[in-house]
Amino acid sequence: MHRTPPFMIRGALCAPALALLLSALPHGALAQWVWKDQRGQVHASDLPPPRDIPDKNVIQRPSAATPPARATTPAPAAAGGSAVPLAPGASSARTDPELETRKRRADEEQAAQKKAEEARQAGLRIENCNRARDALRQLESGMRIARVNDKGEREILDDQARSAETVRARQLAASECR
């Protein structure tokens, strides 16, 4: 008696189930039209959308097809204009209003971040200006100024070091206080 190997039996049992599963999957090649209805629900079909769907709600058309010859309903004024049918041979690419809104928000956020960074830089410049002016006032006051050197020792500025520091403080104040 000849025995059938177990993998062949499993393969024979799985083939019909696999065929059934593949036939139940949607066929992407048939769904050429994509549109949104009045409730905002997206539909895909191999047939054109119903006549009551305005052209602005048609997201995708078949690549070889021209727009259907159907009456368009004007878009509400709040939506930003009226629906205009595409001319034959014109690009059928549609922009999604939600995508445009996201892009506009991203641009606004980027502009706000840029403005905040400019404000931060201006604040730093004002702070640096005030510090430079304070240092210049101290140097020009004639009071003794002491600093701590690299060894941690306290040393008093002499006249030559004071004049060099005064020149540097003036240059810093001129650059920061515009």
Protein backbone atom coordinates (compact mmCIF):
# COMPACT_ATOMS: atom_id res chain seq x y z
CA MET A 1 0.00 0.00 0.00
CA HIS A 2 1.32 3.44 -0.95
CA ARG A 3 1.12 6.18 1.70
CA THR A 4 0.67 9.85 0.76
CA PRO A 5 3.16 12.09 2.57
CA PRO A 6 1.54 14.33 5.23
CA PHE A 7 2.73 17.58 3.61
CA MET A 8 0.82 16.71 0.43
CA ILE A 9 -2.37 16.13 2.40
CA ARG A 10 -1.99 19.48 4.18
CA GLY A 11 -1.31 21.17 0.84
CA ALA A 12 -4.41 19.63 -0.70
CA LEU A 13 -6.52 20.82 2.22
CA CYS A 14 -5.01 24.35 2.30
CA ALA A 15 -5.32 25.09 -1.43
CA PRO A 16 -9.13 25.58 -1.48
CA ALA A 17 -8.98 27.69 1.69
CA LEU A 18 -6.25 29.86 0.18
CA ALA A 19 -8.23 30.28 -3.05
CA LEU A 20 -11.32 31.28 -1.07
CA LEU A 21 -9.31 33.79 0.98
CA LEU A 22 -7.74 35.37 -2.10
CA SER A 23 -11.10 35.66 -3.86
CA ALA A 24 -12.56 37.45 -0.83
CA LEU A 25 -9.87 40.15 -0.88
CA PRO A 26 -10.78 43.40 -2.65
CA HIS A 27 -9.41 43.78 -6.14
CA GLY A 28 -7.35 46.99 -6.27
CA ALA A 29 -7.36 47.13 -10.05
CA LEU A 30 -11.15 47.48 -10.15
CA ALA A 31 -11.38 50.42 -7.70
CA GLN A 32 -10.43 53.30 -10.00
CA TRP A 33 -12.76 56.01 -8.69
CA VAL A 34 -12.39 57.35 -5.14
CA TRP A 35 -14.68 60.04 -3.69
CA LYS A 36 -16.10 61.42 -0.44
CA ASP A 37 -19.83 61.60 0.13
CA GLN A 38 -21.72 64.33 2.01
CA ARG A 39 -20.98 62.64 5.37
CA GLY A 40 -17.22 62.58 4.64
CA GLN A 41 -17.12 58.82 4.11
CA VAL A 42 -14.63 57.68 1.43
CA HIS A 43 -15.90 55.35 -1.33
CA ALA A 44 -13.96 53.43 -4.00
CA SER A 45 -15.51 51.87 -7.07
CA ASP A 46 -14.90 50.94 -10.68
CA LEU A 47 -17.96 53.07 -11.55
CA PRO A 48 -18.06 56.88 -11.47
CA PRO A 49 -19.56 58.51 -8.35
CA PRO A 50 -23.25 59.45 -8.29
CA ARG A 51 -24.26 62.72 -9.96
CA ASP A 52 -24.96 64.42 -6.62
CA ILE A 53 -21.23 64.20 -5.63
CA PRO A 54 -19.49 67.49 -6.54
CA ASP A 55 -16.22 67.31 -8.48
CA LYS A 56 -14.32 68.77 -5.53
CA ASN A 57 -15.14 65.58 -3.56
CA VAL A 58 -13.71 63.26 -6.23
CA ILE A 59 -10.30 62.24 -4.88
CA GLN A 60 -9.13 59.92 -7.68
CA ARG A 61 -10.21 59.22 -11.25
CA PRO A 62 -9.14 56.46 -13.64
CA SER A 63 -5.88 57.46 -15.31
CA ALA A 64 -7.18 57.09 -18.90
CA ALA A 65 -10.65 58.50 -18.27
CA THR A 66 -11.75 62.07 -18.68
CA PRO A 67 -14.06 63.66 -16.12
CA PRO A 68 -17.63 62.48 -16.37
CA ALA A 69 -20.07 64.68 -18.21
CA ARG A 70 -22.28 65.52 -15.25
CA ALA A 71 -23.57 68.68 -13.68
CA THR A 72 -21.49 70.01 -10.84
CA THR A 73 -22.99 71.52 -7.77
CA PRO A 74 -21.33 74.71 -6.57
CA ALA A 75 -19.44 74.41 -3.32
CA PRO A 76 -20.66 76.45 -0.37
CA ALA A 77 -19.00 79.84 0.04
CA ALA A 78 -17.55 78.73 3.38
CA ALA A 79 -15.71 75.88 1.66
CA GLY A 80 -13.67 78.32 -0.35
CA GLY A 81 -15.08 78.59 -3.84
CA SER A 82 -17.03 76.71 -6.45
CA ALA A 83 -16.45 73.35 -8.05
CA VAL A 84 -14.99 73.53 -11.54
CA PRO A 85 -14.98 70.46 -13.78
CA LEU A 86 -11.58 69.46 -15.16
CA ALA A 87 -10.90 69.98 -18.83
CA PRO A 88 -10.06 66.86 -20.87
CA GLY A 89 -6.34 66.13 -20.60
CA ALA A 90 -5.98 68.22 -17.42
CA SER A 91 -4.31 66.78 -14.35
CA SER A 92 -6.75 64.90 -12.17
CA ALA A 93 -4.68 65.28 -8.98
CA ARG A 94 -6.81 66.57 -6.15
CA THR A 95 -5.58 68.11 -2.93
CA ASP A 96 -7.15 66.92 0.26
CA PRO A 97 -8.52 69.82 2.37
CA GLU A 98 -7.38 68.04 5.54
CA LEU A 99 -3.86 67.74 4.13
CA GLU A 100 -3.86 71.44 3.24
CA THR A 101 -5.03 72.28 6.78
CA ARG A 102 -2.24 70.18 8.30
CA LYS A 103 0.33 71.84 6.04
CA ARG A 104 -0.95 75.31 6.92
CA ARG A 105 -0.80 74.45 10.65
CA ALA A 106 2.75 73.13 10.29
CA ASP A 107 3.76 76.34 8.48
CA GLU A 108 2.12 78.44 11.20
CA GLU A 109 3.89 76.44 13.94
CA GLN A 110 7.21 76.84 12.14
CA ALA A 111 6.64 80.60 11.82
CA ALA A 112 5.71 80.79 15.52
CA GLN A 113 8.87 78.86 16.47
CA LYS A 114 10.97 81.18 14.33
CA LYS A 115 9.36 84.22 15.92
CA ALA A 116 9.94 82.79 19.42
CA GLU A 117 13.61 82.11 18.60
CA GLU A 118 14.03 85.67 17.30
CA ALA A 119 12.43 87.01 20.50
CA ARG A 120 14.76 84.84 22.60
CA GLN A 121 17.80 86.10 20.67
CA ALA A 122 16.63 89.70 21.11
CA GLY A 123 16.25 89.12 24.86
CA LEU A 124 19.76 87.68 25.07
CA ARG A 125 21.13 90.63 23.13
CA ILE A 126 19.46 93.09 25.53
CA GLU A 127 20.81 91.16 28.53
CA ASN A 128 24.34 91.13 27.06
CA CYS A 129 24.06 94.85 26.31
CA ASN A 130 23.08 95.63 29.90
CA ARG A 131 25.95 93.52 31.27
CA ALA A 132 28.47 95.20 28.95
CA ARG A 133 27.23 98.66 30.00
CA ASP A 134 27.45 97.71 33.70
CA ALA A 135 31.00 96.44 33.25
CA LEU A 136 31.94 99.63 31.39
CA ARG A 137 30.44 101.78 34.18
CA GLN A 138 32.44 99.89 36.81
CA LEU A 139 35.66 100.22 34.83
CA GLU A 140 35.13 103.96 34.26
CA SER A 141 34.12 104.64 37.88
CA GLY A 142 37.72 104.56 39.11
CA MET A 143 37.01 102.00 41.85
CA ARG A 144 39.52 99.24 42.36
CA ILE A 145 38.57 96.04 40.55
CA ALA A 146 39.85 92.65 41.65
CA ARG A 147 39.77 89.41 39.69
CA VAL A 148 40.61 85.82 40.50
CA ASN A 149 43.44 84.43 38.34
CA ASP A 150 43.96 80.85 37.12
CA LYS A 151 45.67 79.85 40.37
CA GLY A 152 42.67 81.05 42.39
CA GLU A 153 44.55 84.09 43.69
CA ARG A 154 42.94 87.51 43.88
CA GLU A 155 44.68 90.24 41.87
CA ILE A 156 43.87 93.93 41.44
CA LEU A 157 43.74 95.43 37.93
CA ASP A 158 46.41 98.04 37.33
CA ASP A 159 45.89 101.10 35.08
CA GLN A 160 47.12 99.33 31.95
CA ALA A 161 44.83 96.28 32.48
CA ARG A 162 41.93 98.61 33.38
CA SER A 163 42.32 100.57 30.07
CA ALA A 164 42.52 97.31 28.06
CA GLU A 165 39.36 96.01 29.76
CA THR A 166 37.64 99.39 29.17
CA VAL A 167 38.37 99.17 25.42
CA ARG A 168 37.08 95.59 25.31
CA ALA A 169 33.91 96.52 27.25
CA ARG A 170 33.24 99.44 24.87
CA GLN A 171 33.59 97.17 21.86
CA LEU A 172 31.27 94.61 23.42
CA ALA A 173 28.69 97.27 24.30
CA ALA A 174 28.88 98.67 20.76
CA SER A 175 28.29 95.25 19.20
CA GLU A 176 25.49 94.17 21.55
CA CYS A 177 23.66 97.50 21.99
CA ARG A 178 22.45 98.20 18.47
